[in-house]
Amino acid sequence: MATRTKPRIRVGIGGWTYAPWRGVFYPQDLTQKHELEYASRQFSTIEINGTFYGLQKPESYMKWHDETPDDFAFTLKAPRYATNRRVLAEAGDSIERFFDSGLVHLKDKLGPINWQFATTKQFDAEDFEAFLALLPKKLDGLKLRHAVEVRHESFRNEAFVALTNKYGVAIVLAGDSDYPQIASLTAPFVYARIMGTSEKEAQGYSKKALDAWADRARQLAAGTIPEDLGPFKATTAAKSGRDVYLYVISGFKERNPTAARAIIERL
């Protein structure tokens, strides 16, 4: 089988269990137990949010793997017990428990892990590097990819970008939100979460905004930071292709599947 070399743009949503989507995104007669099966055939990726709140069972990962298409990818929000702490360097046990909980059963459908930090968490270079050093590179032969979602302005500095670049960890691109948007490419992939869907727009975003995000995804996949994202000047983007994981999340959640599908159509 030939090896795929062209970067891939995956577009999806956060989670798949949400009552207001039933009868709107999900067909009226679709049973809840088939929602993942349906959603995974509308999108090429889904971010699992439940892992942020607690450990999941190995049987759940097995089930999710088996219900989705062969080329599907899950990304996971890492447990808050690892990131919502005063001293990040002490997160080793929480990180180990997370990776021992059954992620390996996703097999090649395991995408990047999103380590999300609280809005109150400030940047401490020494402690943050100690945390990055705790993140494993492999899990039973599976290559692991990590992204950090930081939500405090103190992270908008060259030292933070340099650290993520050193460890090959992506900085989550927080689009259309009040969180710091740090547009730097520090990993071999891009992890974007766009949060600006509105009840006023039938597709969540205006046609102009949907066109813009589709174009930005193409540029990011090509290894270029779009100028309208306000590139962070601490690093220069390497002109090499990257897989892109783009999630329509938060905002007016009822419209997120429609917005994600509209971006997919444009791509």
C-alpha atoms as a PDB file:
ATOM      1  CA  MET A   1       0.000   0.000   0.000  1.00  0.00           C
ATOM      2  CA  ALA A   2       1.326   3.418  -0.943  1.00  0.00           C
ATOM      3  CA  THR A   3       2.221   5.774   1.891  1.00  0.00           C
ATOM      4  CA  ARG A   4       0.203   9.007   2.037  1.00  0.00           C
ATOM      5  CA  THR A   5       2.511  12.013   1.867  1.00  0.00           C
ATOM      6  CA  LYS A   6       0.075  14.863   1.161  1.00  0.00           C
ATOM      7  CA  PRO A   7      -1.069  16.724   4.297  1.00  0.00           C
ATOM      8  CA  ARG A   8      -4.662  16.049   5.281  1.00  0.00           C
ATOM      9  CA  ILE A   9      -7.165  18.557   6.601  1.00  0.00           C
ATOM     10  CA  ARG A  10      -9.611  17.000   9.049  1.00  0.00           C
ATOM     11  CA  VAL A  11     -12.652  18.957  10.179  1.00  0.00           C
ATOM     12  CA  GLY A  12     -14.934  17.890  12.995  1.00  0.00           C
ATOM     13  CA  ILE A  13     -16.811  18.695  16.181  1.00  0.00           C
ATOM     14  CA  GLY A  14     -16.367  18.258  19.920  1.00  0.00           C
ATOM     15  CA  GLY A  15     -18.176  15.196  21.208  1.00  0.00           C
ATOM     16  CA  TRP A  16     -21.200  13.585  19.618  1.00  0.00           C
ATOM     17  CA  THR A  17     -23.751  13.305  22.443  1.00  0.00           C
ATOM     18  CA  TYR A  18     -25.762  16.531  22.569  1.00  0.00           C
ATOM     19  CA  ALA A  19     -29.554  16.534  22.842  1.00  0.00           C
ATOM     20  CA  PRO A  20     -30.216  19.690  20.725  1.00  0.00           C
ATOM     21  CA  TRP A  21     -28.543  17.995  17.741  1.00  0.00           C
ATOM     22  CA  ARG A  22     -31.196  15.279  17.697  1.00  0.00           C
ATOM     23  CA  GLY A  23     -33.687  15.833  14.923  1.00  0.00           C
ATOM     24  CA  VAL A  24     -31.525  18.685  13.573  1.00  0.00           C
ATOM     25  CA  PHE A  25     -28.085  17.250  12.840  1.00  0.00           C
ATOM     26  CA  TYR A  26     -29.052  13.684  13.655  1.00  0.00           C
ATOM     27  CA  PRO A  27     -32.039  12.202  11.789  1.00  0.00           C
ATOM     28  CA  GLN A  28     -35.212  12.156  13.858  1.00  0.00           C
ATOM     29  CA  ASP A  29     -35.398   8.354  13.900  1.00  0.00           C
ATOM     30  CA  LEU A  30     -31.718   7.751  14.754  1.00  0.00           C
ATOM     31  CA  THR A  31     -31.207   5.990  18.085  1.00  0.00           C
ATOM     32  CA  GLN A  32     -28.630   7.424  20.486  1.00  0.00           C
ATOM     33  CA  LYS A  33     -26.445   4.330  20.328  1.00  0.00           C
ATOM     34  CA  HIS A  34     -25.869   5.001  16.619  1.00  0.00           C
ATOM     35  CA  GLU A  35     -24.941   8.684  16.963  1.00  0.00           C
ATOM     36  CA  LEU A  36     -21.180   8.141  16.841  1.00  0.00           C
ATOM     37  CA  GLU A  37     -21.560   5.844  13.855  1.00  0.00           C
ATOM     38  CA  TYR A  38     -23.527   8.578  12.063  1.00  0.00           C
ATOM     39  CA  ALA A  39     -21.319  11.530  13.084  1.00  0.00           C
ATOM     40  CA  SER A  40     -18.108   9.748  12.135  1.00  0.00           C
ATOM     41  CA  ARG A  41     -19.399   9.454   8.585  1.00  0.00           C
ATOM     42  CA  GLN A  42     -20.135  13.162   8.352  1.00  0.00           C
ATOM     43  CA  PHE A  43     -16.732  14.247   9.667  1.00  0.00           C
ATOM     44  CA  SER A  44     -13.217  12.833   9.543  1.00  0.00           C
ATOM     45  CA  THR A  45     -12.452  13.560  13.200  1.00  0.00           C
ATOM     46  CA  ILE A  46     -14.107  14.170  16.570  1.00  0.00           C
ATOM     47  CA  GLU A  47     -12.589  15.567  19.749  1.00  0.00           C
ATOM     48  CA  ILE A  48     -13.525  13.472  22.780  1.00  0.00           C
ATOM     49  CA  ASN A  49     -14.357  15.735  25.716  1.00  0.00           C
ATOM     50  CA  GLY A  50     -15.320  13.133  28.312  1.00  0.00           C
ATOM     51  CA  THR A  51     -11.676  12.257  28.882  1.00  0.00           C
ATOM     52  CA  PHE A  52     -11.164  15.742  30.351  1.00  0.00           C
ATOM     53  CA  TYR A  53     -13.528  14.974  33.233  1.00  0.00           C
ATOM     54  CA  GLY A  54     -12.558  11.400  34.035  1.00  0.00           C
ATOM     55  CA  LEU A  55     -10.854   8.244  32.878  1.00  0.00           C
ATOM     56  CA  GLN A  56     -12.717   6.137  30.339  1.00  0.00           C
ATOM     57  CA  LYS A  57     -12.869   2.359  30.237  1.00  0.00           C
ATOM     58  CA  PRO A  58     -10.822   0.274  27.768  1.00  0.00           C
ATOM     59  CA  GLU A  59     -14.110  -1.168  26.487  1.00  0.00           C
ATOM     60  CA  SER A  60     -15.251   2.326  25.513  1.00  0.00           C
ATOM     61  CA  TYR A  61     -12.155   2.931  23.403  1.00  0.00           C
ATOM     62  CA  MET A  62     -12.641  -0.444  21.734  1.00  0.00           C
ATOM     63  CA  LYS A  63     -16.265   0.405  20.961  1.00  0.00           C
ATOM     64  CA  TRP A  64     -15.404   3.833  19.565  1.00  0.00           C
ATOM     65  CA  HIS A  65     -12.709   2.309  17.377  1.00  0.00           C
ATOM     66  CA  ASP A  66     -15.035  -0.318  15.961  1.00  0.00           C
ATOM     67  CA  GLU A  67     -17.946   2.053  15.262  1.00  0.00           C
ATOM     68  CA  THR A  68     -15.963   4.484  13.104  1.00  0.00           C
ATOM     69  CA  PRO A  69     -14.530   4.307   9.552  1.00  0.00           C
ATOM     70  CA  ASP A  70     -11.013   3.042   8.918  1.00  0.00           C
ATOM     71  CA  ASP A  71      -9.557   6.482   8.147  1.00  0.00           C
ATOM     72  CA  PHE A  72     -11.248   8.254  11.071  1.00  0.00           C
ATOM     73  CA  ALA A  73      -9.294  10.005  13.846  1.00  0.00           C
ATOM     74  CA  PHE A  74     -10.159  10.859  17.434  1.00  0.00           C
ATOM     75  CA  THR A  75      -8.416  13.576  19.379  1.00  0.00           C
ATOM     76  CA  LEU A  76      -8.726  13.515  23.160  1.00  0.00           C
ATOM     77  CA  LYS A  77      -8.794  16.218  25.788  1.00  0.00           C
ATOM     78  CA  ALA A  78      -6.382  15.095  28.472  1.00  0.00           C
ATOM     79  CA  PRO A  79      -7.652  14.878  32.066  1.00  0.00           C
ATOM     80  CA  ARG A  80      -8.023  18.118  33.994  1.00  0.00           C
ATOM     81  CA  TYR A  81      -6.303  16.426  36.948  1.00  0.00           C
ATOM     82  CA  ALA A  82      -3.044  16.744  35.023  1.00  0.00           C
ATOM     83  CA  THR A  83      -3.393  20.382  33.984  1.00  0.00           C
ATOM     84  CA  ASN A  84      -5.475  22.056  36.707  1.00  0.00           C
ATOM     85  CA  ARG A  85      -2.780  22.042  39.361  1.00  0.00           C
ATOM     86  CA  ARG A  86      -0.414  24.560  40.886  1.00  0.00           C
ATOM     87  CA  VAL A  87       2.772  22.602  40.120  1.00  0.00           C
ATOM     88  CA  LEU A  88       2.663  21.024  36.682  1.00  0.00           C
ATOM     89  CA  ALA A  89       5.881  19.137  37.303  1.00  0.00           C
ATOM     90  CA  GLU A  90       3.935  16.967  39.756  1.00  0.00           C
ATOM     91  CA  ALA A  91       1.460  15.727  37.128  1.00  0.00           C
ATOM     92  CA  GLY A  92       3.361  12.533  36.330  1.00  0.00           C
ATOM     93  CA  ASP A  93       0.996  10.123  38.095  1.00  0.00           C
ATOM     94  CA  SER A  94      -2.097  11.632  36.462  1.00  0.00           C
ATOM     95  CA  ILE A  95      -0.475  11.496  33.043  1.00  0.00           C
ATOM     96  CA  GLU A  96       0.549   7.880  33.528  1.00  0.00           C
ATOM     97  CA  ARG A  97      -2.943   6.826  34.658  1.00  0.00           C
ATOM     98  CA  PHE A  98      -4.455   8.506  31.605  1.00  0.00           C
ATOM     99  CA  PHE A  99      -2.258   6.650  29.148  1.00  0.00           C
ATOM    100  CA  ASP A 100      -2.780   3.370  30.991  1.00  0.00           C
ATOM    101  CA  SER A 101      -6.589   3.685  30.827  1.00  0.00           C
ATOM    102  CA  GLY A 102      -7.038   2.134  27.393  1.00  0.00           C
ATOM    103  CA  LEU A 103      -6.155   4.748  24.763  1.00  0.00           C
ATOM    104  CA  VAL A 104      -4.106   2.133  22.972  1.00  0.00           C
ATOM    105  CA  HIS A 105      -7.348   0.448  21.875  1.00  0.00           C
ATOM    106  CA  LEU A 106      -8.016   3.324  19.477  1.00  0.00           C
ATOM    107  CA  LYS A 107      -5.001   1.995  17.530  1.00  0.00           C
ATOM    108  CA  ASP A 108      -4.267   4.055  14.432  1.00  0.00           C
ATOM    109  CA  LYS A 109      -7.370   6.179  15.046  1.00  0.00           C
ATOM    110  CA  LEU A 110      -5.631   7.894  17.967  1.00  0.00           C
ATOM    111  CA  GLY A 111      -4.970  11.489  16.985  1.00  0.00           C
ATOM    112  CA  PRO A 112      -3.309  14.284  18.994  1.00  0.00           C
ATOM    113  CA  ILE A 113      -3.930  14.816  22.705  1.00  0.00           C
ATOM    114  CA  ASN A 114      -5.129  18.266  23.782  1.00  0.00           C
ATOM    115  CA  TRP A 115      -3.807  19.403  27.165  1.00  0.00           C
ATOM    116  CA  GLN A 116      -6.111  22.279  28.090  1.00  0.00           C
ATOM    117  CA  PHE A 117      -5.179  24.709  30.863  1.00  0.00           C
ATOM    118  CA  ALA A 118      -7.398  26.930  32.988  1.00  0.00           C
ATOM    119  CA  THR A 119      -7.750  30.615  32.208  1.00  0.00           C
ATOM    120  CA  THR A 120      -6.019  31.391  35.507  1.00  0.00           C
ATOM    121  CA  LYS A 121      -2.928  29.274  34.788  1.00  0.00           C
ATOM    122  CA  GLN A 122       0.043  31.549  34.133  1.00  0.00           C
ATOM    123  CA  PHE A 123       3.231  30.712  32.286  1.00  0.00           C
ATOM    124  CA  ASP A 124       6.187  29.552  34.374  1.00  0.00           C
ATOM    125  CA  ALA A 125       8.962  28.514  32.010  1.00  0.00           C
ATOM    126  CA  GLU A 126      10.714  26.061  34.330  1.00  0.00           C
ATOM    127  CA  ASP A 127       7.544  24.343  35.519  1.00  0.00           C
ATOM    128  CA  PHE A 128       6.009  24.218  32.048  1.00  0.00           C
ATOM    129  CA  GLU A 129       9.100  22.617  30.575  1.00  0.00           C
ATOM    130  CA  ALA A 130       9.040  20.037  33.360  1.00  0.00           C
ATOM    131  CA  PHE A 131       5.461  19.257  32.340  1.00  0.00           C
ATOM    132  CA  LEU A 132       6.317  18.930  28.645  1.00  0.00           C
ATOM    133  CA  ALA A 133       9.129  16.542  29.564  1.00  0.00           C
ATOM    134  CA  LEU A 134       6.563  14.257  31.231  1.00  0.00           C
ATOM    135  CA  LEU A 135       4.551  13.752  28.037  1.00  0.00           C
ATOM    136  CA  PRO A 136       5.350  10.346  26.492  1.00  0.00           C
ATOM    137  CA  LYS A 137       6.319  10.090  22.848  1.00  0.00           C
ATOM    138  CA  LYS A 138       4.958   6.582  22.302  1.00  0.00           C
ATOM    139  CA  LEU A 139       2.302   4.249  23.697  1.00  0.00           C
ATOM    140  CA  ASP A 140       2.840   0.550  22.974  1.00  0.00           C
ATOM    141  CA  GLY A 141       4.343   1.410  19.607  1.00  0.00           C
ATOM    142  CA  LEU A 142       1.815   4.144  18.754  1.00  0.00           C
ATOM    143  CA  LYS A 143       3.385   7.531  18.107  1.00  0.00           C
ATOM    144  CA  LEU A 144       1.848  10.170  20.367  1.00  0.00           C
ATOM    145  CA  ARG A 145       1.253  13.781  19.392  1.00  0.00           C
ATOM    146  CA  HIS A 146       0.565  16.506  21.930  1.00  0.00           C
ATOM    147  CA  ALA A 147      -1.001  19.960  21.805  1.00  0.00           C
ATOM    148  CA  VAL A 148      -1.349  22.517  24.589  1.00  0.00           C
ATOM    149  CA  GLU A 149      -4.317  24.858  24.877  1.00  0.00           C
ATOM    150  CA  VAL A 150      -3.261  27.804  27.021  1.00  0.00           C
ATOM    151  CA  ARG A 151      -5.731  30.491  28.051  1.00  0.00           C
ATOM    152  CA  HIS A 152      -3.728  33.181  29.866  1.00  0.00           C
ATOM    153  CA  GLU A 153      -2.007  36.151  28.213  1.00  0.00           C
ATOM    154  CA  SER A 154       1.266  35.348  29.993  1.00  0.00           C
ATOM    155  CA  PHE A 155       1.825  32.559  27.462  1.00  0.00           C
ATOM    156  CA  ARG A 156       2.073  35.031  24.630  1.00  0.00           C
ATOM    157  CA  ASN A 157       5.859  35.225  24.719  1.00  0.00           C
ATOM    158  CA  GLU A 158       8.873  33.864  22.924  1.00  0.00           C
ATOM    159  CA  ALA A 159       9.968  31.557  25.743  1.00  0.00           C
ATOM    160  CA  PHE A 160       6.698  29.620  25.599  1.00  0.00           C
ATOM    161  CA  VAL A 161       6.814  29.278  21.818  1.00  0.00           C
ATOM    162  CA  ALA A 162      10.454  28.189  21.994  1.00  0.00           C
ATOM    163  CA  LEU A 163       9.612  25.473  24.537  1.00  0.00           C
ATOM    164  CA  THR A 164       6.772  24.010  22.475  1.00  0.00           C
ATOM    165  CA  ASN A 165       9.007  24.065  19.430  1.00  0.00           C
ATOM    166  CA  LYS A 166      11.770  22.277  21.374  1.00  0.00           C
ATOM    167  CA  TYR A 167       9.422  19.455  22.386  1.00  0.00           C
ATOM    168  CA  GLY A 168       7.511  19.301  19.090  1.00  0.00           C
ATOM    169  CA  VAL A 169       4.237  20.144  20.830  1.00  0.00           C
ATOM    170  CA  ALA A 170       1.546  22.103  18.986  1.00  0.00           C
ATOM    171  CA  ILE A 171      -0.017  25.272  20.353  1.00  0.00           C
ATOM    172  CA  VAL A 172      -3.782  25.004  19.977  1.00  0.00           C
ATOM    173  CA  LEU A 173      -4.989  27.791  17.725  1.00  0.00           C
ATOM    174  CA  ALA A 174      -7.925  29.381  19.557  1.00  0.00           C
ATOM    175  CA  GLY A 175      -9.950  31.019  16.818  1.00  0.00           C
ATOM    176  CA  ASP A 176     -12.796  33.515  17.227  1.00  0.00           C
ATOM    177  CA  SER A 177     -12.537  33.521  21.009  1.00  0.00           C
ATOM    178  CA  ASP A 178     -11.423  35.690  23.909  1.00  0.00           C
ATOM    179  CA  TYR A 179      -8.442  33.412  24.555  1.00  0.00           C
ATOM    180  CA  PRO A 180      -4.911  34.270  23.397  1.00  0.00           C
ATOM    181  CA  GLN A 181      -4.469  33.411  19.739  1.00  0.00           C
ATOM    182  CA  ILE A 182      -0.853  32.318  19.345  1.00  0.00           C
ATOM    183  CA  ALA A 183      -0.373  31.544  15.682  1.00  0.00           C
ATOM    184  CA  SER A 184       2.898  29.616  15.655  1.00  0.00           C
ATOM    185  CA  LEU A 185       3.633  26.276  14.007  1.00  0.00           C
ATOM    186  CA  THR A 186       5.716  24.334  16.524  1.00  0.00           C
ATOM    187  CA  ALA A 187       4.774  20.734  15.655  1.00  0.00           C
ATOM    188  CA  PRO A 188       4.381  18.567  12.543  1.00  0.00           C
ATOM    189  CA  PHE A 189       0.598  19.078  12.758  1.00  0.00           C
ATOM    190  CA  VAL A 190      -1.880  21.887  13.455  1.00  0.00           C
ATOM    191  CA  TYR A 191      -4.641  21.767  16.067  1.00  0.00           C
ATOM    192  CA  ALA A 192      -7.282  24.494  15.692  1.00  0.00           C
ATOM    193  CA  ARG A 193     -10.468  25.074  17.686  1.00  0.00           C
ATOM    194  CA  ILE A 194     -12.778  27.753  16.313  1.00  0.00           C
ATOM    195  CA  MET A 195     -15.404  29.069  18.710  1.00  0.00           C
ATOM    196  CA  GLY A 196     -17.371  31.769  16.928  1.00  0.00           C
ATOM    197  CA  THR A 197     -20.588  30.119  15.773  1.00  0.00           C
ATOM    198  CA  SER A 198     -23.680  32.271  16.221  1.00  0.00           C
ATOM    199  CA  GLU A 199     -27.411  31.625  16.498  1.00  0.00           C
ATOM    200  CA  LYS A 200     -27.954  34.438  13.990  1.00  0.00           C
ATOM    201  CA  GLU A 201     -26.208  32.546  11.182  1.00  0.00           C
ATOM    202  CA  ALA A 202     -28.010  29.557   9.640  1.00  0.00           C
ATOM    203  CA  GLN A 203     -24.672  27.803   9.146  1.00  0.00           C
ATOM    204  CA  GLY A 204     -23.166  29.073  12.378  1.00  0.00           C
ATOM    205  CA  TYR A 205     -20.814  31.394  10.500  1.00  0.00           C
ATOM    206  CA  SER A 206     -21.399  33.769   7.615  1.00  0.00           C
ATOM    207  CA  LYS A 207     -20.429  32.552   4.144  1.00  0.00           C
ATOM    208  CA  LYS A 208     -17.470  34.952   4.223  1.00  0.00           C
ATOM    209  CA  ALA A 209     -16.252  33.559   7.548  1.00  0.00           C
ATOM    210  CA  LEU A 210     -16.644  29.961   6.355  1.00  0.00           C
ATOM    211  CA  ASP A 211     -14.660  30.787   3.204  1.00  0.00           C
ATOM    212  CA  ALA A 212     -11.972  32.372   5.370  1.00  0.00           C
ATOM    213  CA  TRP A 213     -11.582  29.336   7.649  1.00  0.00           C
ATOM    214  CA  ALA A 214     -11.424  26.963   4.706  1.00  0.00           C
ATOM    215  CA  ASP A 215      -8.687  29.120   3.180  1.00  0.00           C
ATOM    216  CA  ARG A 216      -6.796  29.328   6.478  1.00  0.00           C
ATOM    217  CA  ALA A 217      -6.933  25.537   6.799  1.00  0.00           C
ATOM    218  CA  ARG A 218      -5.376  25.205   3.338  1.00  0.00           C
ATOM    219  CA  GLN A 219      -2.601  27.647   4.233  1.00  0.00           C
ATOM    220  CA  LEU A 220      -1.881  25.908   7.537  1.00  0.00           C
ATOM    221  CA  ALA A 221      -1.732  22.544   5.776  1.00  0.00           C
ATOM    222  CA  ALA A 222       0.831  24.043   3.417  1.00  0.00           C
ATOM    223  CA  GLY A 223       2.970  25.132   6.374  1.00  0.00           C
ATOM    224  CA  THR A 224       2.101  28.819   6.159  1.00  0.00           C
ATOM    225  CA  ILE A 225       0.551  30.948   8.893  1.00  0.00           C
ATOM    226  CA  PRO A 226      -2.304  33.053   7.461  1.00  0.00           C
ATOM    227  CA  GLU A 227      -1.576  36.744   7.806  1.00  0.00           C
ATOM    228  CA  ASP A 228      -5.079  37.469   9.089  1.00  0.00           C
ATOM    229  CA  LEU A 229      -4.422  35.294  12.142  1.00  0.00           C
ATOM    230  CA  GLY A 230      -1.792  37.773  13.272  1.00  0.00           C
ATOM    231  CA  PRO A 231       1.250  35.479  13.217  1.00  0.00           C
ATOM    232  CA  PHE A 232       3.255  35.501  16.411  1.00  0.00           C
ATOM    233  CA  LYS A 233       6.643  36.864  15.414  1.00  0.00           C
ATOM    234  CA  ALA A 234       8.785  34.738  17.731  1.00  0.00           C
ATOM    235  CA  THR A 235       9.104  32.011  15.113  1.00  0.00           C
ATOM    236  CA  THR A 236       8.969  31.718  11.367  1.00  0.00           C
ATOM    237  CA  ALA A 237       6.729  29.083   9.844  1.00  0.00           C
ATOM    238  CA  ALA A 238       8.579  26.302   8.058  1.00  0.00           C
ATOM    239  CA  LYS A 239       7.362  25.850   4.516  1.00  0.00           C
ATOM    240  CA  SER A 240       6.456  22.200   4.935  1.00  0.00           C
ATOM    241  CA  GLY A 241       3.064  20.530   4.893  1.00  0.00           C
ATOM    242  CA  ARG A 242       1.217  19.621   8.063  1.00  0.00           C
ATOM    243  CA  ASP A 243      -1.898  17.640   8.850  1.00  0.00           C
ATOM    244  CA  VAL A 244      -4.605  19.947  10.199  1.00  0.00           C
ATOM    245  CA  TYR A 245      -7.189  19.065  12.843  1.00  0.00           C
ATOM    246  CA  LEU A 246      -9.869  21.756  12.900  1.00  0.00           C
ATOM    247  CA  TYR A 247     -12.809  21.627  15.307  1.00  0.00           C
ATOM    248  CA  VAL A 248     -15.895  23.806  15.361  1.00  0.00           C
ATOM    249  CA  ILE A 249     -16.553  23.950  19.075  1.00  0.00           C
ATOM    250  CA  SER A 250     -18.172  26.150  21.737  1.00  0.00           C
ATOM    251  CA  GLY A 251     -19.912  29.266  20.396  1.00  0.00           C
ATOM    252  CA  PHE A 252     -23.565  28.475  19.601  1.00  0.00           C
ATOM    253  CA  LYS A 253     -23.124  24.730  19.843  1.00  0.00           C
ATOM    254  CA  GLU A 254     -26.371  23.867  18.059  1.00  0.00           C
ATOM    255  CA  ARG A 255     -24.879  25.189  14.801  1.00  0.00           C
ATOM    256  CA  ASN A 256     -21.449  23.544  15.086  1.00  0.00           C
ATOM    257  CA  PRO A 257     -22.137  20.427  12.957  1.00  0.00           C
ATOM    258  CA  THR A 258     -23.631  22.609  10.205  1.00  0.00           C
ATOM    259  CA  ALA A 259     -20.618  24.926  10.255  1.00  0.00           C
ATOM    260  CA  ALA A 260     -18.179  22.013  10.177  1.00  0.00           C
ATOM    261  CA  ARG A 261     -19.951  20.463   7.195  1.00  0.00           C
ATOM    262  CA  ALA A 262     -19.961  23.822   5.401  1.00  0.00           C
ATOM    263  CA  ILE A 263     -16.176  24.073   5.797  1.00  0.00           C
ATOM    264  CA  ILE A 264     -15.764  20.501   4.563  1.00  0.00           C
ATOM    265  CA  GLU A 265     -17.800  21.351   1.456  1.00  0.00           C
ATOM    266  CA  ARG A 266     -15.474  24.256   0.721  1.00  0.00           C
ATOM    267  CA  LEU A 267     -12.413  22.037   1.084  1.00  0.00           C
END
